[in-house]
Amino acid sequence: GNTNYADSVKGRFTISRDNAKNTVYLQMNSLKPEDTAVY
């Protein structure tokens, strides 16, 4: 019910969870070179 985003990813990334599948997702759109990292 509550989510938080870093300012640098607001409007581009979306976090969600499917508890039935024991999985959390991070949808990342409009990716930029500065998003390069180990997640």
PDB file of all heavy atoms in Angstrom:
ATOM      1  N   GLY A   1       0.779  -1.227   0.000  1.00  0.00           N
ATOM      2  CA  GLY A   1       0.000   0.000   0.000  1.00  0.00           C
ATOM      3  C   GLY A   1       0.809   1.275   0.000  1.00  0.00           C
ATOM      4  O   GLY A   1       0.289   2.353  -0.296  1.00  0.00           O
ATOM      5  N   ASN A   2       2.076   1.177   0.359  1.00  0.00           N
ATOM      6  CA  ASN A   2       2.943   2.349   0.399  1.00  0.00           C
ATOM      7  C   ASN A   2       4.204   2.100  -0.407  1.00  0.00           C
ATOM      8  O   ASN A   2       4.805   1.026  -0.308  1.00  0.00           O
ATOM      9  CB  ASN A   2       3.327   2.691   1.837  1.00  0.00           C
ATOM     10  CG  ASN A   2       2.124   3.131   2.655  1.00  0.00           C
ATOM     11  OD1 ASN A   2       1.538   4.173   2.404  1.00  0.00           O
ATOM     12  ND2 ASN A   2       1.750   2.325   3.621  1.00  0.00           N
ATOM     13  N   THR A   3       4.580   3.091  -1.182  1.00  0.00           N
ATOM     14  CA  THR A   3       5.785   2.991  -1.992  1.00  0.00           C
ATOM     15  C   THR A   3       6.601   4.273  -1.882  1.00  0.00           C
ATOM     16  O   THR A   3       6.071   5.332  -1.520  1.00  0.00           O
ATOM     17  CB  THR A   3       5.462   2.745  -3.480  1.00  0.00           C
ATOM     18  OG1 THR A   3       4.650   3.823  -3.971  1.00  0.00           O
ATOM     19  CG2 THR A   3       4.735   1.427  -3.671  1.00  0.00           C
ATOM     20  N   ASN A   4       7.869   4.162  -2.184  1.00  0.00           N
ATOM     21  CA  ASN A   4       8.759   5.316  -2.178  1.00  0.00           C
ATOM     22  C   ASN A   4       9.729   5.200  -3.344  1.00  0.00           C
ATOM     23  O   ASN A   4      10.139   4.080  -3.691  1.00  0.00           O
ATOM     24  CB  ASN A   4       9.542   5.378  -0.859  1.00  0.00           C
ATOM     25  CG  ASN A   4      10.440   6.591  -0.780  1.00  0.00           C
ATOM     26  OD1 ASN A   4       9.978   7.709  -0.631  1.00  0.00           O
ATOM     27  ND2 ASN A   4      11.751   6.377  -0.906  1.00  0.00           N
ATOM     28  N   TYR A   5      10.074   6.345  -3.932  1.00  0.00           N
ATOM     29  CA  TYR A   5      10.999   6.359  -5.054  1.00  0.00           C
ATOM     30  C   TYR A   5      12.057   7.433  -4.840  1.00  0.00           C
ATOM     31  O   TYR A   5      11.759   8.524  -4.325  1.00  0.00           O
ATOM     32  CB  TYR A   5      10.270   6.658  -6.362  1.00  0.00           C
ATOM     33  CG  TYR A   5       9.265   5.608  -6.753  1.00  0.00           C
ATOM     34  CD1 TYR A   5       7.930   5.717  -6.369  1.00  0.00           C
ATOM     35  CD2 TYR A   5       9.650   4.502  -7.494  1.00  0.00           C
ATOM     36  CE1 TYR A   5       7.009   4.744  -6.718  1.00  0.00           C
ATOM     37  CE2 TYR A   5       8.730   3.526  -7.855  1.00  0.00           C
ATOM     38  CZ  TYR A   5       7.415   3.656  -7.458  1.00  0.00           C
ATOM     39  OH  TYR A   5       6.512   2.689  -7.814  1.00  0.00           O
ATOM     40  N   ALA A   6      13.271   7.125  -5.261  1.00  0.00           N
ATOM     41  CA  ALA A   6      14.299   8.155  -5.309  1.00  0.00           C
ATOM     42  C   ALA A   6      13.892   9.202  -6.343  1.00  0.00           C
ATOM     43  O   ALA A   6      13.255   8.882  -7.354  1.00  0.00           O
ATOM     44  CB  ALA A   6      15.640   7.534  -5.692  1.00  0.00           C
ATOM     45  N   ASP A   7      14.268  10.443  -6.091  1.00  0.00           N
ATOM     46  CA  ASP A   7      13.905  11.523  -7.018  1.00  0.00           C
ATOM     47  C   ASP A   7      14.403  11.228  -8.437  1.00  0.00           C
ATOM     48  O   ASP A   7      13.749  11.583  -9.412  1.00  0.00           O
ATOM     49  CB  ASP A   7      14.483  12.855  -6.535  1.00  0.00           C
ATOM     50  CG  ASP A   7      13.756  13.382  -5.303  1.00  0.00           C
ATOM     51  OD1 ASP A   7      12.633  12.923  -5.018  1.00  0.00           O
ATOM     52  OD2 ASP A   7      14.333  14.256  -4.630  1.00  0.00           O
ATOM     53  N   SER A   8      15.547  10.595  -8.548  1.00  0.00           N
ATOM     54  CA  SER A   8      16.156  10.347  -9.849  1.00  0.00           C
ATOM     55  C   SER A   8      15.381   9.360 -10.706  1.00  0.00           C
ATOM     56  O   SER A   8      15.612   9.296 -11.924  1.00  0.00           O
ATOM     57  CB  SER A   8      17.598   9.854  -9.677  1.00  0.00           C
ATOM     58  OG  SER A   8      17.607   8.652  -8.911  1.00  0.00           O
ATOM     59  N   VAL A   9      14.466   8.597 -10.100  1.00  0.00           N
ATOM     60  CA  VAL A   9      13.725   7.578 -10.869  1.00  0.00           C
ATOM     61  C   VAL A   9      12.221   7.817 -10.882  1.00  0.00           C
ATOM     62  O   VAL A   9      11.488   7.082 -11.548  1.00  0.00           O
ATOM     63  CB  VAL A   9      14.018   6.154 -10.350  1.00  0.00           C
ATOM     64  CG1 VAL A   9      15.522   5.902 -10.312  1.00  0.00           C
ATOM     65  CG2 VAL A   9      13.380   5.905  -9.003  1.00  0.00           C
ATOM     66  N   LYS A  10      11.760   8.829 -10.158  1.00  0.00           N
ATOM     67  CA  LYS A  10      10.320   9.106 -10.120  1.00  0.00           C
ATOM     68  C   LYS A  10       9.775   9.349 -11.517  1.00  0.00           C
ATOM     69  O   LYS A  10      10.370  10.076 -12.305  1.00  0.00           O
ATOM     70  CB  LYS A  10      10.046  10.323  -9.230  1.00  0.00           C
ATOM     71  CG  LYS A  10      10.046  10.012  -7.756  1.00  0.00           C
ATOM     72  CD  LYS A  10       9.744  11.266  -6.931  1.00  0.00           C
ATOM     73  CE  LYS A  10       9.789  10.963  -5.443  1.00  0.00           C
ATOM     74  NZ  LYS A  10       9.596  12.178  -4.618  1.00  0.00           N
ATOM     75  N   GLY A  11       8.650   8.722 -11.803  1.00  0.00           N
ATOM     76  CA  GLY A  11       8.025   8.871 -13.110  1.00  0.00           C
ATOM     77  C   GLY A  11       8.559   7.913 -14.156  1.00  0.00           C
ATOM     78  O   GLY A  11       7.992   7.802 -15.247  1.00  0.00           O
ATOM     79  N   ARG A  12       9.655   7.230 -13.847  1.00  0.00           N
ATOM     80  CA  ARG A  12      10.242   6.279 -14.806  1.00  0.00           C
ATOM     81  C   ARG A  12      10.195   4.841 -14.297  1.00  0.00           C
ATOM     82  O   ARG A  12      10.054   3.909 -15.077  1.00  0.00           O
ATOM     83  CB  ARG A  12      11.696   6.659 -15.093  1.00  0.00           C
ATOM     84  CG  ARG A  12      11.874   8.051 -15.680  1.00  0.00           C
ATOM     85  CD  ARG A  12      13.328   8.273 -16.128  1.00  0.00           C
ATOM     86  NE  ARG A  12      14.276   8.214 -15.023  1.00  0.00           N
ATOM     87  CZ  ARG A  12      15.309   7.373 -14.964  1.00  0.00           C
ATOM     88  NH1 ARG A  12      15.523   6.500 -15.949  1.00  0.00           N
ATOM     89  NH2 ARG A  12      16.150   7.399 -13.923  1.00  0.00           N
ATOM     90  N   PHE A  13      10.346   4.662 -12.993  1.00  0.00           N
ATOM     91  CA  PHE A  13      10.368   3.330 -12.395  1.00  0.00           C
ATOM     92  C   PHE A  13       9.084   3.093 -11.607  1.00  0.00           C
ATOM     93  O   PHE A  13       8.527   4.022 -11.013  1.00  0.00           O
ATOM     94  CB  PHE A  13      11.554   3.185 -11.440  1.00  0.00           C
ATOM     95  CG  PHE A  13      12.912   3.151 -12.080  1.00  0.00           C
ATOM     96  CD1 PHE A  13      13.105   3.466 -13.417  1.00  0.00           C
ATOM     97  CD2 PHE A  13      14.020   2.809 -11.316  1.00  0.00           C
ATOM     98  CE1 PHE A  13      14.366   3.437 -13.993  1.00  0.00           C
ATOM     99  CE2 PHE A  13      15.280   2.774 -11.874  1.00  0.00           C
ATOM    100  CZ  PHE A  13      15.456   3.089 -13.216  1.00  0.00           C
ATOM    101  N   THR A  14       8.655   1.830 -11.589  1.00  0.00           N
ATOM    102  CA  THR A  14       7.483   1.448 -10.814  1.00  0.00           C
ATOM    103  C   THR A  14       7.773   0.157 -10.062  1.00  0.00           C
ATOM    104  O   THR A  14       8.195  -0.837 -10.670  1.00  0.00           O
ATOM    105  CB  THR A  14       6.263   1.240 -11.709  1.00  0.00           C
ATOM    106  OG1 THR A  14       6.003   2.429 -12.465  1.00  0.00           O
ATOM    107  CG2 THR A  14       5.032   0.897 -10.879  1.00  0.00           C
ATOM    108  N   ILE A  15       7.549   0.186  -8.746  1.00  0.00           N
ATOM    109  CA  ILE A  15       7.720  -1.006  -7.933  1.00  0.00           C
ATOM    110  C   ILE A  15       6.353  -1.629  -7.688  1.00  0.00           C
ATOM    111  O   ILE A  15       5.354  -0.930  -7.515  1.00  0.00           O
ATOM    112  CB  ILE A  15       8.431  -0.678  -6.599  1.00  0.00           C
ATOM    113  CG1 ILE A  15       8.863  -1.947  -5.870  1.00  0.00           C
ATOM    114  CG2 ILE A  15       7.561   0.214  -5.705  1.00  0.00           C
ATOM    115  CD1 ILE A  15       9.774  -1.682  -4.662  1.00  0.00           C
ATOM    116  N   SER A  16       6.306  -2.958  -7.688  1.00  0.00           N
ATOM    117  CA  SER A  16       5.061  -3.661  -7.410  1.00  0.00           C
ATOM    118  C   SER A  16       5.401  -5.013  -6.803  1.00  0.00           C
ATOM    119  O   SER A  16       6.542  -5.456  -6.861  1.00  0.00           O
ATOM    120  CB  SER A  16       4.237  -3.832  -8.689  1.00  0.00           C
ATOM    121  OG  SER A  16       4.932  -4.613  -9.635  1.00  0.00           O
ATOM    122  N   ARG A  17       4.388  -5.619  -6.208  1.00  0.00           N
ATOM    123  CA  ARG A  17       4.626  -6.920  -5.613  1.00  0.00           C
ATOM    124  C   ARG A  17       3.444  -7.830  -5.876  1.00  0.00           C
ATOM    125  O   ARG A  17       2.297  -7.389  -5.908  1.00  0.00           O
ATOM    126  CB  ARG A  17       4.909  -6.808  -4.115  1.00  0.00           C
ATOM    127  CG  ARG A  17       3.803  -6.218  -3.277  1.00  0.00           C
ATOM    128  CD  ARG A  17       4.322  -5.886  -1.867  1.00  0.00           C
ATOM    129  NE  ARG A  17       4.722  -7.095  -1.157  1.00  0.00           N
ATOM    130  CZ  ARG A  17       5.594  -7.092  -0.146  1.00  0.00           C
ATOM    131  NH1 ARG A  17       6.142  -5.958   0.260  1.00  0.00           N
ATOM    132  NH2 ARG A  17       5.891  -8.215   0.466  1.00  0.00           N
ATOM    133  N   ASP A  18       3.738  -9.109  -6.063  1.00  0.00           N
ATOM    134  CA  ASP A  18       2.726 -10.143  -6.214  1.00  0.00           C
ATOM    135  C   ASP A  18       3.010 -11.163  -5.118  1.00  0.00           C
ATOM    136  O   ASP A  18       3.851 -12.054  -5.284  1.00  0.00           O
ATOM    137  CB  ASP A  18       2.805 -10.777  -7.604  1.00  0.00           C
ATOM    138  CG  ASP A  18       1.696 -11.777  -7.852  1.00  0.00           C
ATOM    139  OD1 ASP A  18       1.098 -12.271  -6.878  1.00  0.00           O
ATOM    140  OD2 ASP A  18       1.433 -12.081  -9.025  1.00  0.00           O
ATOM    141  N   ASN A  19       2.328 -10.996  -3.993  1.00  0.00           N
ATOM    142  CA  ASN A  19       2.617 -11.850  -2.851  1.00  0.00           C
ATOM    143  C   ASN A  19       2.293 -13.314  -3.133  1.00  0.00           C
ATOM    144  O   ASN A  19       2.925 -14.212  -2.573  1.00  0.00           O
ATOM    145  CB  ASN A  19       1.866 -11.359  -1.619  1.00  0.00           C
ATOM    146  CG  ASN A  19       2.450 -10.073  -1.060  1.00  0.00           C
ATOM    147  OD1 ASN A  19       3.579  -9.700  -1.372  1.00  0.00           O
ATOM    148  ND2 ASN A  19       1.680  -9.382  -0.238  1.00  0.00           N
ATOM    149  N   ALA A  20       1.335 -13.563  -4.002  1.00  0.00           N
ATOM    150  CA  ALA A  20       0.994 -14.950  -4.334  1.00  0.00           C
ATOM    151  C   ALA A  20       2.136 -15.642  -5.067  1.00  0.00           C
ATOM    152  O   ALA A  20       2.272 -16.870  -4.995  1.00  0.00           O
ATOM    153  CB  ALA A  20      -0.276 -14.989  -5.174  1.00  0.00           C
ATOM    154  N   LYS A  21       2.932 -14.854  -5.778  1.00  0.00           N
ATOM    155  CA  LYS A  21       4.076 -15.404  -6.515  1.00  0.00           C
ATOM    156  C   LYS A  21       5.388 -15.181  -5.782  1.00  0.00           C
ATOM    157  O   LYS A  21       6.454 -15.470  -6.317  1.00  0.00           O
ATOM    158  CB  LYS A  21       4.159 -14.779  -7.914  1.00  0.00           C
ATOM    159  CG  LYS A  21       2.994 -15.136  -8.815  1.00  0.00           C
ATOM    160  CD  LYS A  21       3.177 -14.547 -10.206  1.00  0.00           C
ATOM    161  CE  LYS A  21       2.021 -14.961 -11.116  1.00  0.00           C
ATOM    162  NZ  LYS A  21       2.179 -14.396 -12.482  1.00  0.00           N
ATOM    163  N   ASN A  22       5.304 -14.612  -4.574  1.00  0.00           N
ATOM    164  CA  ASN A  22       6.512 -14.327  -3.788  1.00  0.00           C
ATOM    165  C   ASN A  22       7.513 -13.495  -4.582  1.00  0.00           C
ATOM    166  O   ASN A  22       8.729 -13.713  -4.479  1.00  0.00           O
ATOM    167  CB  ASN A  22       7.175 -15.624  -3.320  1.00  0.00           C
ATOM    168  CG  ASN A  22       6.632 -16.095  -1.983  1.00  0.00           C
ATOM    169  OD1 ASN A  22       5.655 -15.550  -1.471  1.00  0.00           O
ATOM    170  ND2 ASN A  22       7.255 -17.102  -1.419  1.00  0.00           N
ATOM    171  N   THR A  23       7.019 -12.540  -5.346  1.00  0.00           N
ATOM    172  CA  THR A  23       7.883 -11.783  -6.243  1.00  0.00           C
ATOM    173  C   THR A  23       7.598 -10.290  -6.143  1.00  0.00           C
ATOM    174  O   THR A  23       6.435  -9.873  -6.070  1.00  0.00           O
ATOM    175  CB  THR A  23       7.693 -12.240  -7.705  1.00  0.00           C
ATOM    176  OG1 THR A  23       7.946 -13.635  -7.799  1.00  0.00           O
ATOM    177  CG2 THR A  23       8.642 -11.492  -8.632  1.00  0.00           C
ATOM    178  N   VAL A  24       8.674  -9.512  -6.133  1.00  0.00           N
ATOM    179  CA  VAL A  24       8.588  -8.059  -6.223  1.00  0.00           C
ATOM    180  C   VAL A  24       9.241  -7.639  -7.532  1.00  0.00           C
ATOM    181  O   VAL A  24      10.298  -8.171  -7.903  1.00  0.00           O
ATOM    182  CB  VAL A  24       9.281  -7.387  -5.030  1.00  0.00           C
ATOM    183  CG1 VAL A  24       9.305  -5.873  -5.196  1.00  0.00           C
ATOM    184  CG2 VAL A  24       8.579  -7.763  -3.736  1.00  0.00           C
ATOM    185  N   TYR A  25       8.615  -6.694  -8.223  1.00  0.00           N
ATOM    186  CA  TYR A  25       9.100  -6.245  -9.520  1.00  0.00           C
ATOM    187  C   TYR A  25       9.561  -4.793  -9.470  1.00  0.00           C
ATOM    188  O   TYR A  25       9.073  -3.998  -8.664  1.00  0.00           O
ATOM    189  CB  TYR A  25       7.989  -6.363 -10.566  1.00  0.00           C
ATOM    190  CG  TYR A  25       7.409  -7.740 -10.705  1.00  0.00           C
ATOM    191  CD1 TYR A  25       6.212  -8.082 -10.083  1.00  0.00           C
ATOM    192  CD2 TYR A  25       8.057  -8.711 -11.460  1.00  0.00           C
ATOM    193  CE1 TYR A  25       5.668  -9.342 -10.185  1.00  0.00           C
ATOM    194  CE2 TYR A  25       7.521  -9.990 -11.580  1.00  0.00           C
ATOM    195  CZ  TYR A  25       6.334 -10.294 -10.942  1.00  0.00           C
ATOM    196  OH  TYR A  25       5.805 -11.557 -11.063  1.00  0.00           O
ATOM    197  N   LEU A  26      10.483  -4.474 -10.348  1.00  0.00           N
ATOM    198  CA  LEU A  26      10.859  -3.075 -10.579  1.00  0.00           C
ATOM    199  C   LEU A  26      10.817  -2.858 -12.085  1.00  0.00           C
ATOM    200  O   LEU A  26      11.702  -3.338 -12.808  1.00  0.00           O
ATOM    201  CB  LEU A  26      12.247  -2.757 -10.026  1.00  0.00           C
ATOM    202  CG  LEU A  26      12.649  -1.287 -10.128  1.00  0.00           C
ATOM    203  CD1 LEU A  26      11.776  -0.434  -9.190  1.00  0.00           C
ATOM    204  CD2 LEU A  26      14.123  -1.091  -9.793  1.00  0.00           C
ATOM    205  N   GLN A  27       9.770  -2.198 -12.540  1.00  0.00           N
ATOM    206  CA  GLN A  27       9.653  -1.848 -13.954  1.00  0.00           C
ATOM    207  C   GLN A  27      10.416  -0.562 -14.190  1.00  0.00           C
ATOM    208  O   GLN A  27      10.133   0.456 -13.556  1.00  0.00           O
ATOM    209  CB  GLN A  27       8.191  -1.659 -14.340  1.00  0.00           C
ATOM    210  CG  GLN A  27       7.981  -1.253 -15.796  1.00  0.00           C
ATOM    211  CD  GLN A  27       8.386  -2.340 -16.776  1.00  0.00           C
ATOM    212  OE1 GLN A  27       8.070  -3.507 -16.566  1.00  0.00           O
ATOM    213  NE2 GLN A  27       9.074  -1.951 -17.831  1.00  0.00           N
ATOM    214  N   MET A  28      11.386  -0.617 -15.089  1.00  0.00           N
ATOM    215  CA  MET A  28      12.245   0.528 -15.345  1.00  0.00           C
ATOM    216  C   MET A  28      12.061   0.970 -16.799  1.00  0.00           C
ATOM    217  O   MET A  28      12.377   0.204 -17.715  1.00  0.00           O
ATOM    218  CB  MET A  28      13.707   0.158 -15.079  1.00  0.00           C
ATOM    219  CG  MET A  28      13.949  -0.412 -13.689  1.00  0.00           C
ATOM    220  SD  MET A  28      15.700  -0.655 -13.300  1.00  0.00           S
ATOM    221  CE  MET A  28      16.140  -1.867 -14.526  1.00  0.00           C
ATOM    222  N   ASN A  29      11.543   2.152 -16.990  1.00  0.00           N
ATOM    223  CA  ASN A  29      11.325   2.718 -18.316  1.00  0.00           C
ATOM    224  C   ASN A  29      12.206   3.939 -18.527  1.00  0.00           C
ATOM    225  O   ASN A  29      12.744   4.498 -17.569  1.00  0.00           O
ATOM    226  CB  ASN A  29       9.851   3.109 -18.481  1.00  0.00           C
ATOM    227  CG  ASN A  29       8.915   1.926 -18.355  1.00  0.00           C
ATOM    228  OD1 ASN A  29       9.251   0.796 -18.710  1.00  0.00           O
ATOM    229  ND2 ASN A  29       7.710   2.182 -17.856  1.00  0.00           N
ATOM    230  N   SER A  30      12.333   4.339 -19.770  1.00  0.00           N
ATOM    231  CA  SER A  30      13.122   5.536 -20.120  1.00  0.00           C
ATOM    232  C   SER A  30      14.492   5.495 -19.452  1.00  0.00           C
ATOM    233  O   SER A  30      14.928   6.482 -18.838  1.00  0.00           O
ATOM    234  CB  SER A  30      12.360   6.803 -19.707  1.00  0.00           C
ATOM    235  OG  SER A  30      11.091   6.855 -20.317  1.00  0.00           O
ATOM    236  N   LEU A  31      15.147   4.379 -19.583  1.00  0.00           N
ATOM    237  CA  LEU A  31      16.429   4.199 -18.900  1.00  0.00           C
ATOM    238  C   LEU A  31      17.490   5.153 -19.437  1.00  0.00           C
ATOM    239  O   LEU A  31      17.517   5.477 -20.634  1.00  0.00           O
ATOM    240  CB  LEU A  31      16.885   2.748 -19.026  1.00  0.00           C
ATOM    241  CG  LEU A  31      16.156   1.791 -18.075  1.00  0.00           C
ATOM    242  CD1 LEU A  31      16.297   0.348 -18.536  1.00  0.00           C
ATOM    243  CD2 LEU A  31      16.684   1.952 -16.666  1.00  0.00           C
ATOM    244  N   LYS A  32      18.352   5.575 -18.526  1.00  0.00           N
ATOM    245  CA  LYS A  32      19.429   6.510 -18.841  1.00  0.00           C
ATOM    246  C   LYS A  32      20.774   5.855 -18.513  1.00  0.00           C
ATOM    247  O   LYS A  32      20.832   4.954 -17.663  1.00  0.00           O
ATOM    248  CB  LYS A  32      19.274   7.775 -17.998  1.00  0.00           C
ATOM    249  CG  LYS A  32      17.942   8.465 -18.136  1.00  0.00           C
ATOM    250  CD  LYS A  32      17.843   9.647 -17.173  1.00  0.00           C
ATOM    251  CE  LYS A  32      16.489  10.349 -17.285  1.00  0.00           C
ATOM    252  NZ  LYS A  32      16.386  11.490 -16.346  1.00  0.00           N
ATOM    253  N   PRO A  33      21.836   6.309 -19.129  1.00  0.00           N
ATOM    254  CA  PRO A  33      23.159   5.747 -18.798  1.00  0.00           C
ATOM    255  C   PRO A  33      23.483   5.831 -17.307  1.00  0.00           C
ATOM    256  O   PRO A  33      24.137   4.921 -16.766  1.00  0.00           O
ATOM    257  CB  PRO A  33      24.117   6.610 -19.623  1.00  0.00           C
ATOM    258  CG  PRO A  33      23.299   7.023 -20.806  1.00  0.00           C
ATOM    259  CD  PRO A  33      21.910   7.236 -20.262  1.00  0.00           C
ATOM    260  N   GLU A  34      22.989   6.851 -16.627  1.00  0.00           N
ATOM    261  CA  GLU A  34      23.273   6.985 -15.198  1.00  0.00           C
ATOM    262  C   GLU A  34      22.496   5.972 -14.347  1.00  0.00           C
ATOM    263  O   GLU A  34      22.705   5.895 -13.140  1.00  0.00           O
ATOM    264  CB  GLU A  34      22.981   8.410 -14.707  1.00  0.00           C
ATOM    265  CG  GLU A  34      21.627   8.955 -15.095  1.00  0.00           C
ATOM    266  CD  GLU A  34      21.677   9.811 -16.362  1.00  0.00           C
ATOM    267  OE1 GLU A  34      22.356   9.418 -17.339  1.00  0.00           O
ATOM    268  OE2 GLU A  34      21.012  10.873 -16.361  1.00  0.00           O
ATOM    269  N   ASP A  35      21.610   5.203 -14.950  1.00  0.00           N
ATOM    270  CA  ASP A  35      20.940   4.117 -14.238  1.00  0.00           C
ATOM    271  C   ASP A  35      21.804   2.856 -14.195  1.00  0.00           C
ATOM    272  O   ASP A  35      21.439   1.886 -13.526  1.00  0.00           O
ATOM    273  CB  ASP A  35      19.601   3.783 -14.890  1.00  0.00           C
ATOM    274  CG  ASP A  35      18.595   4.905 -14.793  1.00  0.00           C
ATOM    275  OD1 ASP A  35      18.488   5.534 -13.716  1.00  0.00           O
ATOM    276  OD2 ASP A  35      17.902   5.161 -15.804  1.00  0.00           O
ATOM    277  N   THR A  36      22.917   2.866 -14.897  1.00  0.00           N
ATOM    278  CA  THR A  36      23.810   1.712 -14.905  1.00  0.00           C
ATOM    279  C   THR A  36      24.331   1.429 -13.508  1.00  0.00           C
ATOM    280  O   THR A  36      24.888   2.309 -12.845  1.00  0.00           O
ATOM    281  CB  THR A  36      24.990   1.963 -15.856  1.00  0.00           C
ATOM    282  OG1 THR A  36      24.488   2.078 -17.198  1.00  0.00           O
ATOM    283  CG2 THR A  36      25.998   0.830 -15.786  1.00  0.00           C
ATOM    284  N   ALA A  37      24.130   0.199 -13.048  1.00  0.00           N
ATOM    285  CA  ALA A  37      24.520  -0.183 -11.696  1.00  0.00           C
ATOM    286  C   ALA A  37      24.193  -1.657 -11.496  1.00  0.00           C
ATOM    287  O   ALA A  37      23.505  -2.271 -12.314  1.00  0.00           O
ATOM    288  CB  ALA A  37      23.781   0.655 -10.660  1.00  0.00           C
ATOM    289  N   VAL A  38      24.670  -2.189 -10.381  1.00  0.00           N
ATOM    290  CA  VAL A  38      24.177  -3.477  -9.901  1.00  0.00           C
ATOM    291  C   VAL A  38      22.971  -3.186  -9.019  1.00  0.00           C
ATOM    292  O   VAL A  38      23.047  -2.356  -8.110  1.00  0.00           O
ATOM    293  CB  VAL A  38      25.250  -4.247  -9.116  1.00  0.00           C
ATOM    294  CG1 VAL A  38      24.682  -5.572  -8.601  1.00  0.00           C
ATOM    295  CG2 VAL A  38      26.471  -4.496  -9.991  1.00  0.00           C
ATOM    296  N   TYR A  39      21.876  -3.855  -9.319  1.00  0.00           N
ATOM    297  CA  TYR A  39      20.635  -3.648  -8.581  1.00  0.00           C
ATOM    298  C   TYR A  39      20.419  -4.813  -7.626  1.00  0.00           C
ATOM    299  O   TYR A  39      20.514  -5.988  -8.018  1.00  0.00           O
ATOM    300  CB  TYR A  39      19.461  -3.529  -9.554  1.00  0.00           C
ATOM    301  CG  TYR A  39      19.393  -2.192 -10.237  1.00  0.00           C
ATOM    302  CD1 TYR A  39      20.348  -1.838 -11.189  1.00  0.00           C
ATOM    303  CD2 TYR A  39      18.413  -1.260  -9.923  1.00  0.00           C
ATOM    304  CE1 TYR A  39      20.310  -0.590 -11.813  1.00  0.00           C
ATOM    305  CE2 TYR A  39      18.362  -0.024 -10.539  1.00  0.00           C
ATOM    306  CZ  TYR A  39      19.316   0.305 -11.483  1.00  0.00           C
ATOM    307  OH  TYR A  39      19.282   1.540 -12.088  1.00  0.00           O
TER     308      TYR A  39
END
